[in-house]
C-alpha atoms as a PDB file:
ATOM      1  CA  UNK A   1     107.533  93.953 123.358  1.00  0.00           C
ATOM      2  CA  UNK A   2     107.506  90.880 121.132  1.00  0.00           C
ATOM      3  CA  UNK A   3     110.659  89.812 119.300  1.00  0.00           C
ATOM      4  CA  UNK A   4     112.375  86.817 117.776  1.00  0.00           C
ATOM      5  CA  UNK A   5     115.167  85.582 120.042  1.00  0.00           C
ATOM      6  CA  UNK A   6     117.994  83.170 119.235  1.00  0.00           C
ATOM      7  CA  UNK A   7     119.304  81.443 122.359  1.00  0.00           C
ATOM      8  CA  UNK A   8     121.588  79.019 120.513  1.00  0.00           C
ATOM      9  CA  UNK A   9     122.915  78.636 116.976  1.00  0.00           C
ATOM     10  CA  UNK A  10     121.195  76.069 114.793  1.00  0.00           C
ATOM     11  CA  UNK A  11     118.327  75.482 112.368  1.00  0.00           C
ATOM     12  CA  UNK A  12     115.171  77.569 111.920  1.00  0.00           C
ATOM     13  CA  UNK A  13     113.706  76.076 115.106  1.00  0.00           C
ATOM     14  CA  UNK A  14     116.050  78.245 117.227  1.00  0.00           C
ATOM     15  CA  UNK A  15     114.057  81.338 116.151  1.00  0.00           C
ATOM     16  CA  UNK A  16     111.707  81.801 119.098  1.00  0.00           C
ATOM     17  CA  UNK A  17     108.901  84.338 119.442  1.00  0.00           C
ATOM     18  CA  UNK A  18     109.270  85.815 122.933  1.00  0.00           C
ATOM     19  CA  UNK A  19     108.434  88.754 125.162  1.00  0.00           C
ATOM     20  CA  UNK A  20     111.478  90.941 125.873  1.00  0.00           C
ATOM     21  CA  UNK A  21     112.035  94.289 127.581  1.00  0.00           C
ATOM     22  CA  UNK A  22     110.932  97.480 125.820  1.00  0.00           C
ATOM     23  CA  UNK A  23     113.735  99.541 124.304  1.00  0.00           C
ATOM     24  CA  UNK A  24     114.955 102.923 125.547  1.00  0.00           C
ATOM     25  CA  UNK A  25     117.326 105.084 123.498  1.00  0.00           C
ATOM     26  CA  UNK A  26     120.660 106.380 124.734  1.00  0.00           C
ATOM     27  CA  UNK A  27     121.569 110.022 124.167  1.00  0.00           C
ATOM     28  CA  UNK A  28     122.517 109.414 120.524  1.00  0.00           C
ATOM     29  CA  UNK A  29     120.113 106.592 119.717  1.00  0.00           C
ATOM     30  CA  UNK A  30     116.636 106.211 118.231  1.00  0.00           C
ATOM     31  CA  UNK A  31     113.862 103.666 118.796  1.00  0.00           C
ATOM     32  CA  UNK A  32     111.810 102.816 115.702  1.00  0.00           C
ATOM     33  CA  UNK A  33     108.419 101.121 115.953  1.00  0.00           C
ATOM     34  CA  UNK A  34     108.659  98.613 113.118  1.00  0.00           C
ATOM     35  CA  UNK A  35     105.830  97.831 110.715  1.00  0.00           C
ATOM     36  CA  UNK A  36     107.923  95.371 108.683  1.00  0.00           C
ATOM     37  CA  UNK A  37     111.330  93.690 108.824  1.00  0.00           C
ATOM     38  CA  UNK A  38     113.420  92.558 105.872  1.00  0.00           C
ATOM     39  CA  UNK A  39     114.897  89.064 105.542  1.00  0.00           C
ATOM     40  CA  UNK A  40     118.366  88.567 104.035  1.00  0.00           C
ATOM     41  CA  UNK A  41     120.332  85.352 103.348  1.00  0.00           C
ATOM     42  CA  UNK A  42     123.189  86.347 105.657  1.00  0.00           C
ATOM     43  CA  UNK A  43     120.788  86.128 108.603  1.00  0.00           C
ATOM     44  CA  UNK A  44     120.396  82.399 108.020  1.00  0.00           C
ATOM     45  CA  UNK A  45     124.181  81.927 108.041  1.00  0.00           C
ATOM     46  CA  UNK A  46     124.485  83.879 111.304  1.00  0.00           C
ATOM     47  CA  UNK A  47     121.612  81.932 112.872  1.00  0.00           C
ATOM     48  CA  UNK A  48     123.239  78.627 111.884  1.00  0.00           C
ATOM     49  CA  UNK A  49     126.558  79.678 113.428  1.00  0.00           C
ATOM     50  CA  UNK A  50     128.444  79.301 110.131  1.00  0.00           C
ATOM     51  CA  UNK A  51     129.116  83.001 109.511  1.00  0.00           C
ATOM     52  CA  UNK A  52     132.493  84.562 110.265  1.00  0.00           C
ATOM     53  CA  UNK A  53     130.913  86.943 112.790  1.00  0.00           C
ATOM     54  CA  UNK A  54     128.833  85.475 115.604  1.00  0.00           C
ATOM     55  CA  UNK A  55     126.757  87.811 117.796  1.00  0.00           C
ATOM     56  CA  UNK A  56     126.655  87.177 121.549  1.00  0.00           C
ATOM     57  CA  UNK A  57     123.709  85.055 122.594  1.00  0.00           C
ATOM     58  CA  UNK A  58     120.824  85.661 122.953  1.00  0.00           C
ATOM     59  CA  UNK A  59     120.191  88.014 120.048  1.00  0.00           C
ATOM     60  CA  UNK A  60     117.451  89.226 117.725  1.00  0.00           C
ATOM     61  CA  UNK A  61     118.226  88.786 114.005  1.00  0.00           C
ATOM     62  CA  UNK A  62     117.826  91.337 111.255  1.00  0.00           C
ATOM     63  CA  UNK A  63     119.259  94.641 110.065  1.00  0.00           C
ATOM     64  CA  UNK A  64     116.570  95.877 107.655  1.00  0.00           C
ATOM     65  CA  UNK A  65     113.132  97.233 108.460  1.00  0.00           C
ATOM     66  CA  UNK A  66     110.694 100.099 108.107  1.00  0.00           C
ATOM     67  CA  UNK A  67     108.445 101.933 110.501  1.00  0.00           C
ATOM     68  CA  UNK A  68     107.913 105.142 112.458  1.00  0.00           C
ATOM     69  CA  UNK A  69     110.285 106.804 114.912  1.00  0.00           C
ATOM     70  CA  UNK A  70     108.964 106.271 118.422  1.00  0.00           C
ATOM     71  CA  UNK A  71     111.608 107.744 120.756  1.00  0.00           C
ATOM     72  CA  UNK A  72     114.802 109.761 120.313  1.00  0.00           C
ATOM     73  CA  UNK A  73     117.800 110.335 122.561  1.00  0.00           C
ATOM     74  CA  UNK A  74     118.526 113.729 124.099  1.00  0.00           C
ATOM     75  CA  UNK A  75     121.345 114.513 121.636  1.00  0.00           C
ATOM     76  CA  UNK A  76     119.568 113.380 118.442  1.00  0.00           C
ATOM     77  CA  UNK A  77     118.855 116.416 116.262  1.00  0.00           C
ATOM     78  CA  UNK A  78     118.282 115.074 112.730  1.00  0.00           C
ATOM     79  CA  UNK A  79     115.199 112.980 113.530  1.00  0.00           C
ATOM     80  CA  UNK A  80     111.962 113.380 115.459  1.00  0.00           C
ATOM     81  CA  UNK A  81     109.156 111.071 116.634  1.00  0.00           C
ATOM     82  CA  UNK A  82     106.517 110.275 114.026  1.00  0.00           C
ATOM     83  CA  UNK A  83     108.798 110.301 110.979  1.00  0.00           C
ATOM     84  CA  UNK A  84     108.525 107.405 108.512  1.00  0.00           C
ATOM     85  CA  UNK A  85     111.904 105.721 107.982  1.00  0.00           C
ATOM     86  CA  UNK A  86     113.549 102.663 106.567  1.00  0.00           C
ATOM     87  CA  UNK A  87     116.240 101.036 108.680  1.00  0.00           C
ATOM     88  CA  UNK A  88     119.578  99.954 107.204  1.00  0.00           C
ATOM     89  CA  UNK A  89     121.397  98.675 110.275  1.00  0.00           C
ATOM     90  CA  UNK A  90     120.314  98.090 113.860  1.00  0.00           C
ATOM     91  CA  UNK A  91     121.823  97.838 117.323  1.00  0.00           C
ATOM     92  CA  UNK A  92     119.178  95.427 118.618  1.00  0.00           C
ATOM     93  CA  UNK A  93     117.912  93.525 115.527  1.00  0.00           C
ATOM     94  CA  UNK A  94     114.814  94.063 113.414  1.00  0.00           C
ATOM     95  CA  UNK A  95     112.861  90.806 113.833  1.00  0.00           C
ATOM     96  CA  UNK A  96     110.940  92.639 116.542  1.00  0.00           C
ATOM     97  CA  UNK A  97     108.145  95.119 117.166  1.00  0.00           C
ATOM     98  CA  UNK A  98     110.725  97.865 117.776  1.00  0.00           C
ATOM     99  CA  UNK A  99     114.415  98.307 117.062  1.00  0.00           C
ATOM    100  CA  UNK A 100     117.225 100.455 118.484  1.00  0.00           C
ATOM    101  CA  UNK A 101     119.303 102.383 115.941  1.00  0.00           C
ATOM    102  CA  UNK A 102     121.943 105.026 115.570  1.00  0.00           C
ATOM    103  CA  UNK A 103     120.794 108.071 113.564  1.00  0.00           C
ATOM    104  CA  UNK A 104     122.935 107.042 110.576  1.00  0.00           C
ATOM    105  CA  UNK A 105     120.988 103.760 110.325  1.00  0.00           C
ATOM    106  CA  UNK A 106     117.820 105.688 109.439  1.00  0.00           C
ATOM    107  CA  UNK A 107     116.671 107.066 106.083  1.00  0.00           C
ATOM    108  CA  UNK A 108     113.517 108.862 104.996  1.00  0.00           C
ATOM    109  CA  UNK A 109     110.764 106.587 103.679  1.00  0.00           C
ATOM    110  CA  UNK A 110     108.658 108.533 101.160  1.00  0.00           C
ATOM    111  CA  UNK A 111     104.880 108.309 101.501  1.00  0.00           C
ATOM    112  CA  UNK A 112     104.618 106.550  98.135  1.00  0.00           C
ATOM    113  CA  UNK A 113     106.630 103.587  99.504  1.00  0.00           C
ATOM    114  CA  UNK A 114     104.899 101.075 101.787  1.00  0.00           C
ATOM    115  CA  UNK A 115     106.481  99.773 104.981  1.00  0.00           C
ATOM    116  CA  UNK A 116     106.769  96.307 103.420  1.00  0.00           C
ATOM    117  CA  UNK A 117     108.661  97.828 100.499  1.00  0.00           C
ATOM    118  CA  UNK A 118     110.784  99.856 102.910  1.00  0.00           C
ATOM    119  CA  UNK A 119     111.880  96.692 104.688  1.00  0.00           C
ATOM    120  CA  UNK A 120     113.236  95.382 101.357  1.00  0.00           C
ATOM    121  CA  UNK A 121     115.641  98.281 100.812  1.00  0.00           C
ATOM    122  CA  UNK A 122     118.618  98.213 103.202  1.00  0.00           C
ATOM    123  CA  UNK A 123     120.865  95.315 102.196  1.00  0.00           C
ATOM    124  CA  UNK A 124     119.591  94.636  98.641  1.00  0.00           C
ATOM    125  CA  UNK A 125     119.510  98.198  97.342  1.00  0.00           C
ATOM    126  CA  UNK A 126     122.681  99.340  99.087  1.00  0.00           C
ATOM    127  CA  UNK A 127     124.536  96.296  97.747  1.00  0.00           C
ATOM    128  CA  UNK A 128     123.276  96.924  94.220  1.00  0.00           C
ATOM    129  CA  UNK A 129     124.258 100.601  94.272  1.00  0.00           C
ATOM    130  CA  UNK A 130     127.721  99.928  95.669  1.00  0.00           C
ATOM    131  CA  UNK A 131     128.356  97.188  93.110  1.00  0.00           C
ATOM    132  CA  UNK A 132     127.176  99.195  90.105  1.00  0.00           C
ATOM    133  CA  UNK A 133     128.376 102.692  90.841  1.00  0.00           C
ATOM    134  CA  UNK A 134     131.061 102.585  93.517  1.00  0.00           C
ATOM    135  CA  UNK A 135     132.867  99.416  92.433  1.00  0.00           C
ATOM    136  CA  UNK A 136     132.117  99.040  88.694  1.00  0.00           C
ATOM    137  CA  UNK A 137     131.839 102.809  88.048  1.00  0.00           C
ATOM    138  CA  UNK A 138     128.937 102.171  85.640  1.00  0.00           C
ATOM    139  CA  UNK A 139     128.244 104.809  82.993  1.00  0.00           C
ATOM    140  CA  UNK A 140     125.147 105.504  80.866  1.00  0.00           C
ATOM    141  CA  UNK A 141     125.280 103.631  77.573  1.00  0.00           C
ATOM    142  CA  UNK A 142     127.202 100.656  78.941  1.00  0.00           C
ATOM    143  CA  UNK A 143     125.809  97.123  78.941  1.00  0.00           C
ATOM    144  CA  UNK A 144     125.446  95.254  82.225  1.00  0.00           C
ATOM    145  CA  UNK A 145     124.763  91.545  82.682  1.00  0.00           C
ATOM    146  CA  UNK A 146     122.955  90.871  85.952  1.00  0.00           C
ATOM    147  CA  UNK A 147     122.983  87.228  86.993  1.00  0.00           C
ATOM    148  CA  UNK A 148     119.889  86.393  89.032  1.00  0.00           C
ATOM    149  CA  UNK A 149     118.275  89.691  88.118  1.00  0.00           C
ATOM    150  CA  UNK A 150     114.932  88.644  89.614  1.00  0.00           C
ATOM    151  CA  UNK A 151     116.396  88.244  93.123  1.00  0.00           C
ATOM    152  CA  UNK A 152     116.572  90.949  95.792  1.00  0.00           C
ATOM    153  CA  UNK A 153     119.929  92.482  94.830  1.00  0.00           C
ATOM    154  CA  UNK A 154     119.404  91.696  91.159  1.00  0.00           C
ATOM    155  CA  UNK A 155     116.064  93.486  90.972  1.00  0.00           C
ATOM    156  CA  UNK A 156     117.489  96.535  92.752  1.00  0.00           C
ATOM    157  CA  UNK A 157     120.447  96.609  90.348  1.00  0.00           C
ATOM    158  CA  UNK A 158     118.104  96.230  87.378  1.00  0.00           C
ATOM    159  CA  UNK A 159     116.023  99.240  88.411  1.00  0.00           C
ATOM    160  CA  UNK A 160     119.119 101.346  89.081  1.00  0.00           C
ATOM    161  CA  UNK A 161     120.798 100.406  85.813  1.00  0.00           C
ATOM    162  CA  UNK A 162     117.706 101.160  83.739  1.00  0.00           C
ATOM    163  CA  UNK A 163     117.201 104.500  85.511  1.00  0.00           C
ATOM    164  CA  UNK A 164     120.814 105.482  84.718  1.00  0.00           C
ATOM    165  CA  UNK A 165     120.663 104.661  81.013  1.00  0.00           C
ATOM    166  CA  UNK A 166     122.442 101.319  80.978  1.00  0.00           C
ATOM    167  CA  UNK A 167     121.465  98.457  78.669  1.00  0.00           C
ATOM    168  CA  UNK A 168     120.461  95.520  80.875  1.00  0.00           C
ATOM    169  CA  UNK A 169     120.778  91.809  80.169  1.00  0.00           C
ATOM    170  CA  UNK A 170     119.073  89.962  83.012  1.00  0.00           C
ATOM    171  CA  UNK A 171     118.938  86.266  83.800  1.00  0.00           C
ATOM    172  CA  UNK A 172     116.438  84.308  85.875  1.00  0.00           C
ATOM    173  CA  UNK A 173     115.715  80.642  86.438  1.00  0.00           C
ATOM    174  CA  UNK A 174     111.916  80.501  86.625  1.00  0.00           C
ATOM    175  CA  UNK A 175     108.953  81.550  84.518  1.00  0.00           C
ATOM    176  CA  UNK A 176     107.898  83.954  87.279  1.00  0.00           C
ATOM    177  CA  UNK A 177     111.364  85.525  87.396  1.00  0.00           C
ATOM    178  CA  UNK A 178     111.565  85.897  83.622  1.00  0.00           C
ATOM    179  CA  UNK A 179     108.134  87.546  83.526  1.00  0.00           C
ATOM    180  CA  UNK A 180     109.123  89.931  86.326  1.00  0.00           C
ATOM    181  CA  UNK A 181     112.167  91.103  84.378  1.00  0.00           C
ATOM    182  CA  UNK A 182     110.091  91.688  81.269  1.00  0.00           C
ATOM    183  CA  UNK A 183     107.697  93.769  83.367  1.00  0.00           C
ATOM    184  CA  UNK A 184     110.645  95.801  84.646  1.00  0.00           C
ATOM    185  CA  UNK A 185     111.571  96.727  81.066  1.00  0.00           C
ATOM    186  CA  UNK A 186     114.711  94.606  80.665  1.00  0.00           C
ATOM    187  CA  UNK A 187     115.723  94.465  77.000  1.00  0.00           C
ATOM    188  CA  UNK A 188     117.268  90.996  77.037  1.00  0.00           C
ATOM    189  CA  UNK A 189     115.796  88.434  79.423  1.00  0.00           C
ATOM    190  CA  UNK A 190     117.536  85.040  79.489  1.00  0.00           C
ATOM    191  CA  UNK A 191     116.883  81.758  81.268  1.00  0.00           C
ATOM    192  CA  UNK A 192     120.122  80.737  82.967  1.00  0.00           C
ATOM    193  CA  UNK A 193     118.931  77.129  83.135  1.00  0.00           C
ATOM    194  CA  UNK A 194     119.161  77.022  79.321  1.00  0.00           C
ATOM    195  CA  UNK A 195     122.535  75.451  78.375  1.00  0.00           C
ATOM    196  CA  UNK A 196     122.907  77.931  75.478  1.00  0.00           C
ATOM    197  CA  UNK A 197     122.264  81.125  77.406  1.00  0.00           C
ATOM    198  CA  UNK A 198     125.935  82.199  77.347  1.00  0.00           C
ATOM    199  CA  UNK A 199     125.998  82.303  73.556  1.00  0.00           C
ATOM    200  CA  UNK A 200     122.744  84.270  73.660  1.00  0.00           C
ATOM    201  CA  UNK A 201     124.527  86.926  75.749  1.00  0.00           C
ATOM    202  CA  UNK A 202     127.245  87.373  73.140  1.00  0.00           C
ATOM    203  CA  UNK A 203     124.571  87.459  70.471  1.00  0.00           C
ATOM    204  CA  UNK A 204     122.728  90.230  72.275  1.00  0.00           C
ATOM    205  CA  UNK A 205     125.888  92.372  72.090  1.00  0.00           C
ATOM    206  CA  UNK A 206     126.714  91.404  68.468  1.00  0.00           C
ATOM    207  CA  UNK A 207     129.780  89.571  69.757  1.00  0.00           C
ATOM    208  CA  UNK A 208     131.278  92.614  71.493  1.00  0.00           C
ATOM    209  CA  UNK A 209     130.637  91.396  75.037  1.00  0.00           C
ATOM    210  CA  UNK A 210     129.310  93.213  78.082  1.00  0.00           C
ATOM    211  CA  UNK A 211     130.914  96.075  79.982  1.00  0.00           C
ATOM    212  CA  UNK A 212     129.854  95.012  83.485  1.00  0.00           C
ATOM    213  CA  UNK A 213     128.790  91.744  85.085  1.00  0.00           C
ATOM    214  CA  UNK A 214     127.204  91.586  88.536  1.00  0.00           C
ATOM    215  CA  UNK A 215     127.989  88.108  89.804  1.00  0.00           C
ATOM    216  CA  UNK A 216     125.959  86.519  92.604  1.00  0.00           C
ATOM    217  CA  UNK A 217     127.517  83.020  92.422  1.00  0.00           C
ATOM    218  CA  UNK A 218     131.135  83.398  91.402  1.00  0.00           C
ATOM    219  CA  UNK A 219     132.166  79.837  92.246  1.00  0.00           C
ATOM    220  CA  UNK A 220     129.881  78.644  89.430  1.00  0.00           C
ATOM    221  CA  UNK A 221     129.975  81.476  86.891  1.00  0.00           C
ATOM    222  CA  UNK A 222     133.205  83.468  87.112  1.00  0.00           C
ATOM    223  CA  UNK A 223     135.151  81.387  84.590  1.00  0.00           C
ATOM    224  CA  UNK A 224     132.365  81.858  82.032  1.00  0.00           C
ATOM    225  CA  UNK A 225     131.933  85.538  82.928  1.00  0.00           C
ATOM    226  CA  UNK A 226     135.462  86.347  81.830  1.00  0.00           C
ATOM    227  CA  UNK A 227     134.737  85.102  78.307  1.00  0.00           C
ATOM    228  CA  UNK A 228     131.707  87.418  78.039  1.00  0.00           C
ATOM    229  CA  UNK A 229     133.453  90.694  78.837  1.00  0.00           C
ATOM    230  CA  UNK A 230     134.148  93.458  76.357  1.00  0.00           C
ATOM    231  CA  UNK A 231     137.568  95.101  76.380  1.00  0.00           C
ATOM    232  CA  UNK A 232     137.917  97.029  79.637  1.00  0.00           C
ATOM    233  CA  UNK A 233     135.031  95.093  81.161  1.00  0.00           C
ATOM    234  CA  UNK A 234     134.492  94.627  84.882  1.00  0.00           C
ATOM    235  CA  UNK A 235     133.092  91.799  86.983  1.00  0.00           C
ATOM    236  CA  UNK A 236     131.848  92.638  90.471  1.00  0.00           C
ATOM    237  CA  UNK A 237     131.647  89.601  92.747  1.00  0.00           C
ATOM    238  CA  UNK A 238     128.702  90.022  95.090  1.00  0.00           C
ATOM    239  CA  UNK A 239     128.376  86.380  96.162  1.00  0.00           C
ATOM    240  CA  UNK A 240     130.365  83.135  96.110  1.00  0.00           C
ATOM    241  CA  UNK A 241     130.063  79.818  97.894  1.00  0.00           C
ATOM    242  CA  UNK A 242     133.453  78.273  97.269  1.00  0.00           C
ATOM    243  CA  UNK A 243     136.624  78.241  95.127  1.00  0.00           C
ATOM    244  CA  UNK A 244     136.862  78.210  91.341  1.00  0.00           C
ATOM    245  CA  UNK A 245     139.613  77.745  88.766  1.00  0.00           C
ATOM    246  CA  UNK A 246     139.871  80.481  86.128  1.00  0.00           C
ATOM    247  CA  UNK A 247     142.118  81.292  83.162  1.00  0.00           C
ATOM    248  CA  UNK A 248     143.862  84.624  83.858  1.00  0.00           C
ATOM    249  CA  UNK A 249     144.493  85.117  80.141  1.00  0.00           C
ATOM    250  CA  UNK A 250     140.796  85.873  79.704  1.00  0.00           C
ATOM    251  CA  UNK A 251     141.350  88.867  82.002  1.00  0.00           C
ATOM    252  CA  UNK A 252     144.647  89.876  80.401  1.00  0.00           C
ATOM    253  CA  UNK A 253     143.427  89.802  76.806  1.00  0.00           C
ATOM    254  CA  UNK A 254     140.541  92.128  77.631  1.00  0.00           C
ATOM    255  CA  UNK A 255     142.309  94.502  80.034  1.00  0.00           C
ATOM    256  CA  UNK A 256     139.488  93.415  82.315  1.00  0.00           C
ATOM    257  CA  UNK A 257     139.034  93.874  86.050  1.00  0.00           C
ATOM    258  CA  UNK A 258     137.609  91.531  88.670  1.00  0.00           C
ATOM    259  CA  UNK A 259     136.318  93.397  91.725  1.00  0.00           C
ATOM    260  CA  UNK A 260     135.173  92.029  95.060  1.00  0.00           C
ATOM    261  CA  UNK A 261     132.856  93.697  97.540  1.00  0.00           C
ATOM    262  CA  UNK A 262     131.150  93.226 100.884  1.00  0.00           C
ATOM    263  CA  UNK A 263     128.949  95.889 102.443  1.00  0.00           C
ATOM    264  CA  UNK A 264     130.803  96.051 105.791  1.00  0.00           C
ATOM    265  CA  UNK A 265     133.768  97.538 103.871  1.00  0.00           C
ATOM    266  CA  UNK A 266     131.735 100.578 102.790  1.00  0.00           C
ATOM    267  CA  UNK A 267     132.906 103.758 104.491  1.00  0.00           C
ATOM    268  CA  UNK A 268     130.508 106.149 106.247  1.00  0.00           C
ATOM    269  CA  UNK A 269     130.873 108.571 103.333  1.00  0.00           C
ATOM    270  CA  UNK A 270     130.070 105.812 100.827  1.00  0.00           C
ATOM    271  CA  UNK A 271     127.008 104.754 102.825  1.00  0.00           C
ATOM    272  CA  UNK A 272     125.776 108.345 102.974  1.00  0.00           C
ATOM    273  CA  UNK A 273     126.110 108.622  99.204  1.00  0.00           C
ATOM    274  CA  UNK A 274     124.404 105.259  98.638  1.00  0.00           C
ATOM    275  CA  UNK A 275     121.339 106.108 100.673  1.00  0.00           C
ATOM    276  CA  UNK A 276     121.050 109.639  99.320  1.00  0.00           C
ATOM    277  CA  UNK A 277     120.762 108.091  95.854  1.00  0.00           C
ATOM    278  CA  UNK A 278     118.294 105.442  97.025  1.00  0.00           C
ATOM    279  CA  UNK A 279     116.006 107.967  98.732  1.00  0.00           C
ATOM    280  CA  UNK A 280     116.054 110.126  95.577  1.00  0.00           C
ATOM    281  CA  UNK A 281     115.063 107.096  93.487  1.00  0.00           C
ATOM    282  CA  UNK A 282     112.264 106.186  95.901  1.00  0.00           C
ATOM    283  CA  UNK A 283     110.903 109.733  95.777  1.00  0.00           C
ATOM    284  CA  UNK A 284     110.969 109.896  91.980  1.00  0.00           C
ATOM    285  CA  UNK A 285     109.560 106.397  91.528  1.00  0.00           C
ATOM    286  CA  UNK A 286     112.507 105.027  89.532  1.00  0.00           C
ATOM    287  CA  UNK A 287     113.141 102.632  92.425  1.00  0.00           C
ATOM    288  CA  UNK A 288     110.247 100.459  93.539  1.00  0.00           C
ATOM    289  CA  UNK A 289     111.127  97.566  95.886  1.00  0.00           C
ATOM    290  CA  UNK A 290     109.116  94.382  95.520  1.00  0.00           C
ATOM    291  CA  UNK A 291     107.857  92.653  98.667  1.00  0.00           C
ATOM    292  CA  UNK A 292     107.562  89.117  97.371  1.00  0.00           C
ATOM    293  CA  UNK A 293     106.122  87.486 100.484  1.00  0.00           C
ATOM    294  CA  UNK A 294     104.836  88.761 103.825  1.00  0.00           C
ATOM    295  CA  UNK A 295     104.527  86.620 106.973  1.00  0.00           C
ATOM    296  CA  UNK A 296     103.716  87.319 110.607  1.00  0.00           C
ATOM    297  CA  UNK A 297     106.593  87.964 112.998  1.00  0.00           C
ATOM    298  CA  UNK A 298     105.758  84.889 115.077  1.00  0.00           C
ATOM    299  CA  UNK A 299     106.189  82.750 111.943  1.00  0.00           C
ATOM    300  CA  UNK A 300     109.745  83.935 111.258  1.00  0.00           C
ATOM    301  CA  UNK A 301     111.151  80.418 111.586  1.00  0.00           C
END
């Protein structure tokens, strides 16, 4: 089969389109014939060799994808060949024509969802759900500020928040992103390149502040976030690229909470709950992943 192989860590040029051996499942494994693979930022860090975890070389990147089950191991009971699935985790990587998975990596892909959309689910939608509902404990009627709401995680969080009755304030940095959020039904859409956008957030809440902030770039925004929280507010840090100095009194005066998260810390029970909710949203249509760009596998670099 064809796959992207990384023989050495480095720039995009180390992503090579090669012929590798076909996959065969072990007793408790499944081979999925992929129609699409998802691309996530962490894969670029791993490829460059700058991530904390480095896979043994050579390897095929990717953990997200969507396709049809091709082969199952002798002890696999929950799945059968021919089923449409999205992949959230892989033993062999998803930048390939097929991928090897454990049964818990697989989730039903409803007929209404395309394979390209299915490939955009695993990391973005699971991250959004864990941040909103498992870490921030979001409740209907609360107000959530989503920084970078037009990005992969941000869009997923926006759809989830709206479906659960939260008031959403979403920021984006381009005309296309702002228009996308308006199309999603976001009540307050703000341009985070505008120097006055922070005061606009307080204005949107009549000075009360927001209950939840999903933060994608904490090293830039966290200090400001703390001044935007309502009493009892929560910030969930999803991404950060360095240190930042903050004033703890902003947290103290609001009885606020700052929460961190990374998906590898999610327990099996949490992951099961996350994907049960995602599949339900896909079936009902409240969740609709956006495939922003599609390219051929050989052009992965």
